[in-house]
């Protein structure tokens, strides 16, 4: 089992920045795919970004490319999401997720991830 705890959410004005953290504990040895998702009220959970613990390649949804950066600190078992140039449409609950097995082309699907954090609220005011 892997436990994930997000932090770093809050209220920010449009154009501002936030950095979300996701601390992993439990059975964290091995290579996991770490993903960030978000869910706005009345909408489905949406993929934001993904990277592997033991690799540097990253993958983003189009709407956040150039604004968000996913990164990991293996020593701290923590994955980050740096969010810059925030827009009101980025407002959502942001979730961290993890899985050992991620099939090619399916990283955007929440069902592909086995472990989830409780979420952290991000609110961007206009």
Protein backbone atom coordinates (compact mmCIF):
# COMPACT_ATOMS: atom_id res chain seq x y z
CA UNK A 1 0.00 0.00 0.00
CA UNK A 2 1.03 3.55 -0.70
CA UNK A 3 -0.32 6.57 1.13
CA UNK A 4 -0.37 9.97 -0.56
CA UNK A 5 -0.89 13.30 1.18
CA UNK A 6 -1.24 16.52 -0.80
CA UNK A 7 -0.58 20.01 0.48
CA UNK A 8 0.01 23.50 -0.83
CA UNK A 9 -3.40 24.46 -2.13
CA UNK A 10 -4.98 27.81 -1.44
CA UNK A 11 -6.47 30.99 -2.84
CA UNK A 12 -4.47 32.95 -5.39
CA UNK A 13 -5.19 35.74 -7.86
CA UNK A 14 -5.11 35.12 -11.58
CA UNK A 15 -1.53 35.23 -12.84
CA UNK A 16 -0.16 34.00 -9.54
CA UNK A 17 1.64 30.80 -8.61
CA UNK A 18 1.27 27.88 -6.25
CA UNK A 19 3.32 24.78 -5.61
CA UNK A 20 1.52 21.61 -4.64
CA UNK A 21 3.29 18.80 -2.83
CA UNK A 22 2.41 15.13 -2.59
CA UNK A 23 4.23 13.12 0.06
CA UNK A 24 4.28 9.36 -0.47
CA UNK A 25 4.72 6.80 2.29
CA UNK A 26 4.35 3.08 2.72
CA UNK A 27 5.59 0.72 0.01
CA UNK A 28 7.34 3.37 -2.06
CA UNK A 29 10.25 1.25 -3.30
CA UNK A 30 10.22 0.56 -7.00
CA UNK A 31 9.19 2.72 -9.89
CA UNK A 32 5.79 4.40 -9.75
CA UNK A 33 4.03 6.61 -12.22
CA UNK A 34 2.95 9.72 -10.34
CA UNK A 35 0.07 11.73 -11.67
CA UNK A 36 -1.74 14.94 -10.84
CA UNK A 37 -5.44 15.23 -11.56
CA UNK A 38 -8.01 17.90 -10.81
CA UNK A 39 -11.75 18.03 -10.41
CA UNK A 40 -13.88 21.14 -10.62
CA UNK A 41 -17.44 21.21 -9.23
CA UNK A 42 -19.83 19.38 -11.51
CA UNK A 43 -17.06 18.11 -13.76
CA UNK A 44 -15.22 14.84 -14.20
CA UNK A 45 -11.77 14.28 -12.80
CA UNK A 46 -9.25 15.59 -15.31
CA UNK A 47 -5.65 14.57 -15.95
CA UNK A 48 -3.07 17.32 -15.44
CA UNK A 49 0.45 15.85 -15.50
CA UNK A 50 2.45 12.65 -15.08
CA UNK A 51 6.01 11.53 -14.47
CA UNK A 52 7.79 8.41 -13.23
CA UNK A 53 9.80 8.33 -10.01
CA UNK A 54 12.85 6.85 -11.78
CA UNK A 55 12.67 8.79 -15.03
CA UNK A 56 12.67 12.38 -16.19
CA UNK A 57 10.13 12.31 -18.98
CA UNK A 58 6.97 14.23 -18.25
CA UNK A 59 3.57 14.49 -19.84
CA UNK A 60 1.02 17.29 -19.54
CA UNK A 61 -2.46 18.00 -20.67
CA UNK A 62 -2.50 20.72 -23.31
CA UNK A 63 -4.20 23.35 -21.15
CA UNK A 64 -1.33 23.49 -18.65
CA UNK A 65 1.70 23.08 -20.94
CA UNK A 66 4.19 25.88 -20.40
CA UNK A 67 2.53 26.90 -17.12
CA UNK A 68 2.73 23.82 -14.87
CA UNK A 69 5.78 21.71 -14.05
CA UNK A 70 5.76 18.30 -12.40
CA UNK A 71 8.89 17.16 -10.56
CA UNK A 72 9.98 14.66 -7.95
CA UNK A 73 12.36 14.58 -5.01
CA UNK A 74 13.18 10.91 -4.57
CA UNK A 75 15.01 11.49 -1.31
CA UNK A 76 11.85 12.97 0.18
CA UNK A 77 9.41 10.65 -1.63
CA UNK A 78 7.61 13.76 -2.76
CA UNK A 79 6.18 14.85 -6.09
CA UNK A 80 5.49 18.51 -6.81
CA UNK A 81 3.31 20.47 -9.15
CA UNK A 82 4.56 24.00 -9.74
CA UNK A 83 1.71 26.05 -11.15
CA UNK A 84 2.45 29.43 -12.71
CA UNK A 85 0.30 31.94 -14.59
CA UNK A 86 -2.78 30.53 -12.92
CA UNK A 87 -6.18 31.16 -14.46
CA UNK A 88 -9.66 31.04 -12.92
CA UNK A 89 -10.35 27.90 -14.96
CA UNK A 90 -7.58 26.14 -13.01
CA UNK A 91 -9.81 26.26 -9.93
CA UNK A 92 -10.40 22.70 -8.73
CA UNK A 93 -9.52 20.13 -6.14
CA UNK A 94 -6.13 18.73 -7.12
CA UNK A 95 -5.34 15.09 -6.49
CA UNK A 96 -2.09 13.16 -6.49
CA UNK A 97 -2.18 9.57 -7.77
CA UNK A 98 0.24 6.68 -8.17
CA UNK A 99 0.47 3.36 -9.93
CA UNK A 100 3.17 0.76 -10.59
CA UNK A 101 1.78 -0.26 -13.94
CA UNK A 102 0.70 2.33 -16.47
CA UNK A 103 -0.25 1.18 -19.93
CA UNK A 104 0.93 3.26 -22.85
CA UNK A 105 -1.51 5.94 -23.88
CA UNK A 106 -3.70 5.52 -20.81
CA UNK A 107 -2.06 7.95 -18.37
CA UNK A 108 -5.00 10.34 -18.62
CA UNK A 109 -7.45 7.79 -17.22
CA UNK A 110 -8.07 7.97 -13.45
CA UNK A 111 -8.90 4.26 -13.48
CA UNK A 112 -5.27 3.47 -14.32
CA UNK A 113 -4.06 4.72 -10.94
CA UNK A 114 -4.23 2.59 -7.80
CA UNK A 115 -3.49 5.08 -5.04
CA UNK A 116 -4.96 8.52 -4.43
CA UNK A 117 -4.50 11.36 -2.00
CA UNK A 118 -7.33 13.22 -0.33
CA UNK A 119 -6.99 16.28 -2.54
CA UNK A 120 -6.14 19.93 -1.98
CA UNK A 121 -8.27 22.88 -3.04
CA UNK A 122 -6.88 25.44 -5.47
CA UNK A 123 -8.95 28.56 -6.06
CA UNK A 124 -7.92 31.19 -8.58
CA UNK A 125 -9.75 34.50 -8.40
CA UNK A 126 -10.16 36.78 -11.39
